Amino acid sequence: MQRQYCIIVVLSLIVGLQAWGCPSDFTKVGEKCYKVFLEKVNWFEADRRCRAMHSSLMIFDDENDRESSTNYLKDMGISFADYYNGGAWIGINCFGNNRQFVASHDGSAIPFEKWIPGEPNNDKGNEECVAYSDVKGYGLNDHSCTKVHQYVCQTRFKFY
């Protein structure tokens, strides 16, 4: 009996040392952890700030992820009211990739793309970064990386 009690105590301590969840200040949304920033910055600054928190700019895995994330972003105050100035930076770009958009955190293929109709259009010839916007429906929109938008950092659940 005493041996079983010791095993239970040891297992409880081990499990107690490992917490599964989001880092502090991040919120669970679906299978991800998000931190929303309402301050508007350019894409490079948004990317730098997310990486400094060991996270990356948000990116959608599928339509369900996009829908649940959109509702959360609206609830958190991301402004979608102005098509050109609204929305949030996400982790997609085409730097040096001949207009081939990739996930910015590792250069991999984008897991899910839902572009606004007519996008990406490379308007003015310098739109290499992507914002999530609402223009006749929510979707991806290529923008100049020097534009300022709100942004969202993401990470996955993990042991701490």
N, C-alpha and C. Protein backbone atom coordinates (compact mmCIF):
# COMPACT_ATOMS: atom_id res chain seq x y z
N MET A 1 0.82 -1.20 0.00
CA MET A 1 0.00 0.00 0.00
C MET A 1 0.87 1.26 0.00
N GLN A 2 1.90 1.23 0.85
CA GLN A 2 2.78 2.40 0.93
C GLN A 2 3.54 2.60 -0.39
N ARG A 3 3.89 1.51 -1.04
CA ARG A 3 4.59 1.60 -2.32
C ARG A 3 3.68 2.25 -3.37
N GLN A 4 2.42 1.86 -3.41
CA GLN A 4 1.47 2.45 -4.36
C GLN A 4 1.30 3.94 -4.09
N TYR A 5 1.26 4.30 -2.82
CA TYR A 5 1.14 5.71 -2.45
C TYR A 5 2.34 6.50 -2.95
N CYS A 6 3.55 5.94 -2.79
CA CYS A 6 4.77 6.61 -3.25
C CYS A 6 4.76 6.79 -4.77
N ILE A 7 4.30 5.76 -5.48
CA ILE A 7 4.23 5.85 -6.94
C ILE A 7 3.26 6.95 -7.35
N ILE A 8 2.13 7.03 -6.69
CA ILE A 8 1.14 8.07 -7.01
C ILE A 8 1.71 9.45 -6.74
N VAL A 9 2.41 9.62 -5.64
CA VAL A 9 3.01 10.92 -5.31
C VAL A 9 4.05 11.30 -6.36
N VAL A 10 4.91 10.37 -6.74
CA VAL A 10 5.95 10.65 -7.73
C VAL A 10 5.32 11.01 -9.07
N LEU A 11 4.33 10.25 -9.51
CA LEU A 11 3.66 10.56 -10.77
C LEU A 11 2.98 11.92 -10.72
N SER A 12 2.37 12.25 -9.60
CA SER A 12 1.73 13.56 -9.45
C SER A 12 2.74 14.68 -9.57
N LEU A 13 3.91 14.49 -8.99
CA LEU A 13 4.95 15.51 -9.09
C LEU A 13 5.42 15.67 -10.52
N ILE A 14 5.61 14.56 -11.22
CA ILE A 14 6.07 14.63 -12.61
C ILE A 14 5.03 15.33 -13.47
N VAL A 15 3.79 14.94 -13.34
CA VAL A 15 2.72 15.56 -14.12
C VAL A 15 2.59 17.03 -13.75
N GLY A 16 2.73 17.35 -12.49
CA GLY A 16 2.62 18.74 -12.04
C GLY A 16 3.70 19.63 -12.60
N LEU A 17 4.85 19.07 -12.92
CA LEU A 17 5.94 19.86 -13.47
C LEU A 17 5.71 20.22 -14.93
N GLN A 18 4.84 19.47 -15.59
CA GLN A 18 4.58 19.71 -17.00
C GLN A 18 3.16 20.24 -17.16
N ALA A 19 3.04 21.44 -17.63
CA ALA A 19 1.72 22.03 -17.88
C ALA A 19 1.52 22.13 -19.38
N TRP A 20 0.39 21.72 -19.85
CA TRP A 20 0.08 21.74 -21.28
C TRP A 20 -0.76 22.97 -21.53
N GLY A 21 -0.35 23.81 -22.45
CA GLY A 21 -1.17 24.97 -22.74
C GLY A 21 -0.43 26.06 -23.47
N CYS A 22 -0.95 27.27 -23.31
CA CYS A 22 -0.41 28.44 -23.99
C CYS A 22 0.54 29.20 -23.08
N PRO A 23 1.52 29.89 -23.66
CA PRO A 23 2.37 30.77 -22.86
C PRO A 23 1.52 31.87 -22.21
N SER A 24 2.05 32.49 -21.18
CA SER A 24 1.30 33.57 -20.54
C SER A 24 1.03 34.67 -21.56
N ASP A 25 -0.11 35.31 -21.45
CA ASP A 25 -0.57 36.38 -22.34
C ASP A 25 -1.06 35.88 -23.70
N PHE A 26 -0.99 34.59 -23.96
CA PHE A 26 -1.55 34.02 -25.18
C PHE A 26 -2.88 33.35 -24.82
N THR A 27 -3.79 33.29 -25.78
CA THR A 27 -5.11 32.72 -25.56
C THR A 27 -5.32 31.54 -26.50
N LYS A 28 -5.88 30.46 -25.97
CA LYS A 28 -6.17 29.28 -26.79
C LYS A 28 -7.33 29.58 -27.73
N VAL A 29 -7.10 29.34 -29.02
CA VAL A 29 -8.14 29.45 -30.05
C VAL A 29 -7.99 28.21 -30.92
N GLY A 30 -8.94 27.31 -30.85
CA GLY A 30 -8.80 26.04 -31.57
C GLY A 30 -7.59 25.29 -31.05
N GLU A 31 -6.68 24.94 -31.93
CA GLU A 31 -5.47 24.21 -31.54
C GLU A 31 -4.25 25.11 -31.43
N LYS A 32 -4.47 26.41 -31.40
CA LYS A 32 -3.35 27.37 -31.37
C LYS A 32 -3.48 28.31 -30.19
N CYS A 33 -2.41 29.04 -29.97
CA CYS A 33 -2.38 30.09 -28.95
C CYS A 33 -2.11 31.40 -29.67
N TYR A 34 -2.95 32.40 -29.43
CA TYR A 34 -2.83 33.70 -30.10
C TYR A 34 -2.58 34.81 -29.10
N LYS A 35 -1.82 35.80 -29.55
CA LYS A 35 -1.68 37.06 -28.82
C LYS A 35 -1.93 38.17 -29.82
N VAL A 36 -2.96 38.97 -29.56
CA VAL A 36 -3.42 40.02 -30.48
C VAL A 36 -2.78 41.34 -30.10
N PHE A 37 -2.30 42.06 -31.11
CA PHE A 37 -1.73 43.40 -30.92
C PHE A 37 -2.52 44.38 -31.77
N LEU A 38 -3.14 45.35 -31.11
CA LEU A 38 -3.94 46.34 -31.82
C LEU A 38 -3.10 47.49 -32.36
N GLU A 39 -1.87 47.61 -31.87
CA GLU A 39 -0.95 48.63 -32.39
C GLU A 39 -0.63 48.30 -33.84
N LYS A 40 -0.57 49.31 -34.69
CA LYS A 40 -0.25 49.10 -36.10
C LYS A 40 1.24 49.31 -36.33
N VAL A 41 1.86 48.30 -36.95
CA VAL A 41 3.29 48.36 -37.29
C VAL A 41 3.46 47.76 -38.69
N ASN A 42 4.64 47.94 -39.28
CA ASN A 42 4.89 47.33 -40.59
C ASN A 42 5.11 45.82 -40.41
N TRP A 43 5.12 45.10 -41.52
CA TRP A 43 5.21 43.64 -41.46
C TRP A 43 6.52 43.19 -40.80
N PHE A 44 7.62 43.84 -41.11
CA PHE A 44 8.92 43.44 -40.57
C PHE A 44 8.95 43.56 -39.05
N GLU A 45 8.38 44.65 -38.53
CA GLU A 45 8.34 44.85 -37.08
C GLU A 45 7.41 43.83 -36.42
N ALA A 46 6.27 43.57 -37.04
CA ALA A 46 5.35 42.57 -36.50
C ALA A 46 6.03 41.20 -36.44
N ASP A 47 6.71 40.82 -37.51
CA ASP A 47 7.41 39.54 -37.56
C ASP A 47 8.51 39.49 -36.50
N ARG A 48 9.28 40.56 -36.36
CA ARG A 48 10.36 40.62 -35.37
C ARG A 48 9.81 40.46 -33.95
N ARG A 49 8.71 41.15 -33.66
CA ARG A 49 8.13 41.09 -32.31
C ARG A 49 7.60 39.69 -32.00
N CYS A 50 6.97 39.05 -32.96
CA CYS A 50 6.48 37.69 -32.72
C CYS A 50 7.65 36.74 -32.47
N ARG A 51 8.68 36.83 -33.29
CA ARG A 51 9.84 35.94 -33.12
C ARG A 51 10.51 36.17 -31.77
N ALA A 52 10.52 37.41 -31.28
CA ALA A 52 11.11 37.70 -29.98
C ALA A 52 10.35 37.00 -28.85
N MET A 53 9.10 36.65 -29.10
CA MET A 53 8.28 35.93 -28.12
C MET A 53 8.25 34.42 -28.42
N HIS A 54 9.18 33.95 -29.25
CA HIS A 54 9.24 32.54 -29.65
C HIS A 54 7.92 32.09 -30.27
N SER A 55 7.38 32.95 -31.11
CA SER A 55 6.15 32.65 -31.84
C SER A 55 6.32 33.15 -33.27
N SER A 56 5.26 33.11 -34.04
CA SER A 56 5.31 33.61 -35.42
C SER A 56 4.01 34.33 -35.72
N LEU A 57 4.01 35.10 -36.80
CA LEU A 57 2.76 35.72 -37.23
C LEU A 57 1.76 34.61 -37.57
N MET A 58 0.50 34.87 -37.28
CA MET A 58 -0.53 33.83 -37.48
C MET A 58 -0.62 33.40 -38.93
N ILE A 59 -1.04 32.16 -39.09
CA ILE A 59 -1.28 31.58 -40.41
C ILE A 59 -2.37 30.53 -40.23
N PHE A 60 -3.24 30.38 -41.19
CA PHE A 60 -4.36 29.46 -41.06
C PHE A 60 -4.01 28.08 -41.61
N ASP A 61 -4.48 27.04 -40.93
CA ASP A 61 -4.24 25.66 -41.36
C ASP A 61 -5.34 25.15 -42.29
N ASP A 62 -6.57 25.63 -42.09
CA ASP A 62 -7.70 25.17 -42.89
C ASP A 62 -8.87 26.13 -42.69
N GLU A 63 -9.99 25.85 -43.33
CA GLU A 63 -11.15 26.74 -43.26
C GLU A 63 -11.71 26.84 -41.84
N ASN A 64 -11.75 25.75 -41.10
CA ASN A 64 -12.24 25.80 -39.72
C ASN A 64 -11.36 26.70 -38.86
N ASP A 65 -10.07 26.58 -39.03
CA ASP A 65 -9.11 27.43 -38.32
C ASP A 65 -9.35 28.90 -38.67
N ARG A 66 -9.54 29.19 -39.95
CA ARG A 66 -9.77 30.56 -40.40
C ARG A 66 -11.05 31.12 -39.79
N GLU A 67 -12.12 30.35 -39.79
CA GLU A 67 -13.40 30.83 -39.26
C GLU A 67 -13.34 31.09 -37.76
N SER A 68 -12.80 30.14 -36.99
CA SER A 68 -12.72 30.35 -35.54
C SER A 68 -11.78 31.50 -35.21
N SER A 69 -10.70 31.62 -35.96
CA SER A 69 -9.75 32.72 -35.73
C SER A 69 -10.38 34.07 -36.06
N THR A 70 -11.15 34.14 -37.14
CA THR A 70 -11.79 35.39 -37.54
C THR A 70 -12.72 35.88 -36.44
N ASN A 71 -13.53 35.00 -35.90
CA ASN A 71 -14.45 35.39 -34.83
C ASN A 71 -13.67 35.90 -33.62
N TYR A 72 -12.61 35.22 -33.26
CA TYR A 72 -11.79 35.65 -32.13
C TYR A 72 -11.16 37.02 -32.40
N LEU A 73 -10.60 37.22 -33.59
CA LEU A 73 -9.95 38.49 -33.92
C LEU A 73 -10.94 39.65 -33.85
N LYS A 74 -12.14 39.44 -34.35
CA LYS A 74 -13.16 40.50 -34.28
C LYS A 74 -13.50 40.80 -32.82
N ASP A 75 -13.66 39.75 -32.01
CA ASP A 75 -13.96 39.94 -30.59
C ASP A 75 -12.84 40.68 -29.86
N MET A 76 -11.61 40.49 -30.30
CA MET A 76 -10.45 41.11 -29.65
C MET A 76 -10.16 42.52 -30.17
N GLY A 77 -10.91 42.99 -31.16
CA GLY A 77 -10.76 44.37 -31.60
C GLY A 77 -9.97 44.58 -32.86
N ILE A 78 -9.58 43.52 -33.57
CA ILE A 78 -8.93 43.72 -34.87
C ILE A 78 -9.93 44.41 -35.78
N SER A 79 -9.51 45.50 -36.38
CA SER A 79 -10.40 46.31 -37.22
C SER A 79 -10.39 45.80 -38.66
N PHE A 80 -11.56 45.42 -39.14
CA PHE A 80 -11.71 45.00 -40.52
C PHE A 80 -12.55 46.00 -41.31
N ALA A 81 -12.87 47.15 -40.69
CA ALA A 81 -13.81 48.10 -41.29
C ALA A 81 -13.30 48.73 -42.58
N ASP A 82 -12.02 48.97 -42.68
CA ASP A 82 -11.43 49.63 -43.85
C ASP A 82 -10.63 48.61 -44.64
N TYR A 83 -11.06 48.33 -45.85
CA TYR A 83 -10.44 47.26 -46.64
C TYR A 83 -8.94 47.45 -46.82
N TYR A 84 -8.48 48.67 -47.06
CA TYR A 84 -7.07 48.88 -47.36
C TYR A 84 -6.23 49.03 -46.09
N ASN A 85 -6.80 49.65 -45.07
CA ASN A 85 -6.04 49.92 -43.85
C ASN A 85 -6.40 48.99 -42.70
N GLY A 86 -7.46 48.21 -42.85
CA GLY A 86 -7.88 47.30 -41.79
C GLY A 86 -7.20 45.96 -41.92
N GLY A 87 -7.54 45.07 -41.02
CA GLY A 87 -7.00 43.72 -41.06
C GLY A 87 -5.74 43.57 -40.24
N ALA A 88 -5.13 42.41 -40.36
CA ALA A 88 -3.96 42.08 -39.55
C ALA A 88 -2.90 41.38 -40.41
N TRP A 89 -1.64 41.70 -40.12
CA TRP A 89 -0.54 41.01 -40.79
C TRP A 89 -0.58 39.53 -40.43
N ILE A 90 -0.26 38.69 -41.40
CA ILE A 90 -0.12 37.27 -41.14
C ILE A 90 1.23 36.79 -41.66
N GLY A 91 1.57 35.57 -41.32
CA GLY A 91 2.90 35.04 -41.61
C GLY A 91 3.08 34.47 -43.00
N ILE A 92 2.81 35.28 -44.02
CA ILE A 92 2.99 34.87 -45.41
C ILE A 92 3.70 35.99 -46.15
N ASN A 93 4.69 35.63 -46.99
CA ASN A 93 5.36 36.62 -47.83
C ASN A 93 5.88 35.94 -49.09
N CYS A 94 6.44 36.76 -49.98
CA CYS A 94 7.02 36.20 -51.22
C CYS A 94 8.38 36.84 -51.50
N PHE A 95 9.19 37.07 -50.47
CA PHE A 95 10.50 37.68 -50.65
C PHE A 95 11.37 36.82 -51.56
N GLY A 96 11.79 37.38 -52.69
CA GLY A 96 12.71 36.69 -53.58
C GLY A 96 12.19 35.38 -54.14
N ASN A 97 10.90 35.20 -54.14
CA ASN A 97 10.33 33.92 -54.57
C ASN A 97 9.49 34.05 -55.83
N ASN A 98 9.76 35.05 -56.65
CA ASN A 98 9.02 35.22 -57.90
C ASN A 98 7.51 35.13 -57.70
N ARG A 99 7.02 35.85 -56.71
CA ARG A 99 5.58 35.91 -56.39
C ARG A 99 5.03 34.56 -55.91
N GLN A 100 5.90 33.70 -55.43
CA GLN A 100 5.46 32.44 -54.83
C GLN A 100 5.36 32.67 -53.33
N PHE A 101 4.14 32.76 -52.80
CA PHE A 101 3.94 33.05 -51.39
C PHE A 101 4.21 31.81 -50.55
N VAL A 102 4.91 32.02 -49.43
CA VAL A 102 5.29 30.93 -48.52
C VAL A 102 5.04 31.35 -47.08
N ALA A 103 5.06 30.38 -46.18
CA ALA A 103 4.96 30.65 -44.75
C ALA A 103 6.26 31.31 -44.31
N SER A 104 6.16 32.47 -43.67
CA SER A 104 7.36 33.23 -43.34
C SER A 104 8.22 32.60 -42.26
N HIS A 105 7.65 31.80 -41.38
CA HIS A 105 8.44 31.25 -40.28
C HIS A 105 9.43 30.18 -40.72
N ASP A 106 9.14 29.51 -41.86
CA ASP A 106 10.07 28.46 -42.29
C ASP A 106 10.20 28.31 -43.81
N GLY A 107 9.52 29.15 -44.58
CA GLY A 107 9.61 29.08 -46.03
C GLY A 107 8.83 27.94 -46.67
N SER A 108 8.01 27.26 -45.89
CA SER A 108 7.24 26.13 -46.42
C SER A 108 6.02 26.59 -47.20
N ALA A 109 5.38 25.65 -47.88
CA ALA A 109 4.15 25.95 -48.61
C ALA A 109 3.07 26.41 -47.63
N ILE A 110 2.20 27.28 -48.09
CA ILE A 110 1.11 27.77 -47.25
C ILE A 110 0.10 26.64 -47.08
N PRO A 111 -0.26 26.31 -45.83
CA PRO A 111 -1.16 25.18 -45.63
C PRO A 111 -2.59 25.44 -46.11
N PHE A 112 -3.02 26.69 -46.12
CA PHE A 112 -4.38 27.02 -46.53
C PHE A 112 -4.39 28.43 -47.09
N GLU A 113 -4.95 28.59 -48.28
CA GLU A 113 -5.03 29.91 -48.92
C GLU A 113 -6.48 30.23 -49.26
N LYS A 114 -6.92 31.37 -48.82
CA LYS A 114 -8.21 31.90 -49.25
C LYS A 114 -7.99 33.38 -49.53
N TRP A 115 -7.68 33.69 -50.78
CA TRP A 115 -7.41 35.07 -51.18
C TRP A 115 -8.72 35.80 -51.42
N ILE A 116 -8.72 37.10 -51.18
CA ILE A 116 -9.83 37.96 -51.57
C ILE A 116 -9.88 37.92 -53.10
N PRO A 117 -11.07 37.92 -53.71
CA PRO A 117 -11.14 37.90 -55.18
C PRO A 117 -10.26 39.00 -55.80
N GLY A 118 -9.47 38.62 -56.80
CA GLY A 118 -8.57 39.56 -57.46
C GLY A 118 -7.20 39.67 -56.82
N GLU A 119 -6.98 38.98 -55.72
CA GLU A 119 -5.69 38.99 -55.02
C GLU A 119 -5.03 37.62 -55.19
N PRO A 120 -3.73 37.55 -55.09
CA PRO A 120 -2.79 38.65 -54.97
C PRO A 120 -2.62 39.37 -56.31
N ASN A 121 -2.49 40.69 -56.23
CA ASN A 121 -2.41 41.47 -57.48
C ASN A 121 -1.13 42.29 -57.61
N ASN A 122 -0.30 42.33 -56.57
CA ASN A 122 0.96 43.08 -56.61
C ASN A 122 0.75 44.52 -57.07
N ASP A 123 -0.29 45.15 -56.55
CA ASP A 123 -0.59 46.54 -56.89
C ASP A 123 0.63 47.42 -56.60
N LYS A 124 0.97 48.28 -57.50
CA LYS A 124 2.13 49.18 -57.41
C LYS A 124 3.46 48.43 -57.44
N GLY A 125 3.44 47.13 -57.70
CA GLY A 125 4.66 46.36 -57.91
C GLY A 125 5.49 46.06 -56.69
N ASN A 126 4.97 46.27 -55.49
CA ASN A 126 5.81 46.03 -54.31
C ASN A 126 5.04 45.34 -53.17
N GLU A 127 4.08 44.52 -53.50
CA GLU A 127 3.28 43.87 -52.46
C GLU A 127 3.80 42.45 -52.21
N GLU A 128 4.71 42.35 -51.24
CA GLU A 128 5.34 41.07 -50.94
C GLU A 128 4.92 40.47 -49.61
N CYS A 129 4.09 41.18 -48.85
CA CYS A 129 3.63 40.69 -47.56
C CYS A 129 2.11 40.54 -47.60
N VAL A 130 1.56 39.82 -46.64
CA VAL A 130 0.13 39.49 -46.70
C VAL A 130 -0.57 39.88 -45.41
N ALA A 131 -1.73 40.51 -45.58
CA ALA A 131 -2.62 40.83 -44.46
C ALA A 131 -3.90 40.04 -44.63
N TYR A 132 -4.54 39.75 -43.51
CA TYR A 132 -5.86 39.12 -43.52
C TYR A 132 -6.87 40.25 -43.41
N SER A 133 -7.73 40.39 -44.43
CA SER A 133 -8.61 41.55 -44.54
C SER A 133 -10.03 41.12 -44.86
N ASP A 134 -10.95 42.09 -44.83
CA ASP A 134 -12.34 41.85 -45.22
C ASP A 134 -12.69 42.75 -46.39
N VAL A 135 -12.71 42.17 -47.58
CA VAL A 135 -13.12 42.88 -48.79
C VAL A 135 -14.09 41.94 -49.48
N LYS A 136 -15.37 42.21 -49.34
CA LYS A 136 -16.39 41.31 -49.91
C LYS A 136 -16.18 39.89 -49.38
N GLY A 137 -15.87 39.79 -48.11
CA GLY A 137 -15.59 38.51 -47.47
C GLY A 137 -14.15 38.49 -46.97
N TYR A 138 -13.92 37.72 -45.94
CA TYR A 138 -12.58 37.66 -45.34
C TYR A 138 -11.64 36.84 -46.21
N GLY A 139 -10.40 37.33 -46.32
CA GLY A 139 -9.41 36.59 -47.09
C GLY A 139 -8.05 37.26 -47.05
N LEU A 140 -7.12 36.69 -47.78
CA LEU A 140 -5.75 37.18 -47.84
C LEU A 140 -5.64 38.28 -48.89
N ASN A 141 -4.79 39.27 -48.59
CA ASN A 141 -4.59 40.41 -49.48
C ASN A 141 -3.11 40.78 -49.44
N ASP A 142 -2.44 40.78 -50.59
CA ASP A 142 -1.03 41.18 -50.59
C ASP A 142 -0.93 42.70 -50.45
N HIS A 143 0.06 43.13 -49.67
CA HIS A 143 0.29 44.55 -49.38
C HIS A 143 1.78 44.84 -49.40
N SER A 144 2.10 46.10 -49.49
CA SER A 144 3.48 46.53 -49.29
C SER A 144 3.85 46.23 -47.84
N CYS A 145 5.02 45.69 -47.62
CA CYS A 145 5.46 45.32 -46.27
C CYS A 145 5.64 46.52 -45.36
N THR A 146 5.74 47.71 -45.94
CA THR A 146 5.94 48.91 -45.12
C THR A 146 4.62 49.54 -44.65
N LYS A 147 3.49 49.06 -45.17
CA LYS A 147 2.19 49.50 -44.65
C LYS A 147 2.11 49.10 -43.18
N VAL A 148 1.25 49.76 -42.44
CA VAL A 148 1.08 49.38 -41.04
C VAL A 148 -0.29 48.73 -40.84
N HIS A 149 -0.29 47.64 -40.10
CA HIS A 149 -1.50 46.91 -39.75
C HIS A 149 -1.36 46.41 -38.31
N GLN A 150 -2.47 46.04 -37.73
CA GLN A 150 -2.45 45.30 -36.48
C GLN A 150 -1.86 43.92 -36.80
N TYR A 151 -1.55 43.14 -35.76
CA TYR A 151 -0.96 41.83 -36.03
C TYR A 151 -1.29 40.86 -34.91
N VAL A 152 -1.09 39.58 -35.21
CA VAL A 152 -1.39 38.51 -34.25
C VAL A 152 -0.24 37.51 -34.28
N CYS A 153 0.30 37.23 -33.11
CA CYS A 153 1.34 36.21 -32.98
C CYS A 153 0.68 34.89 -32.59
N GLN A 154 1.25 33.80 -33.06
CA GLN A 154 0.69 32.49 -32.73
C GLN A 154 1.78 31.52 -32.34
N THR A 155 1.41 30.56 -31.53
CA THR A 155 2.24 29.42 -31.21
C THR A 155 1.30 28.25 -30.98
N ARG A 156 1.84 27.07 -30.91
CA ARG A 156 1.03 25.87 -30.66
C ARG A 156 1.05 25.54 -29.17
N PHE A 157 0.09 24.73 -28.74
CA PHE A 157 0.13 24.21 -27.38
C PHE A 157 1.44 23.47 -27.20
N LYS A 158 1.98 23.54 -25.99
CA LYS A 158 3.19 22.78 -25.72
C LYS A 158 3.34 22.57 -24.23
N PHE A 159 4.28 21.70 -23.85
CA PHE A 159 4.58 21.47 -22.44
C PHE A 159 5.47 22.59 -21.94
N TYR A 160 5.21 23.04 -20.74
CA TYR A 160 6.03 24.06 -20.09
C TYR A 160 6.59 23.51 -18.81
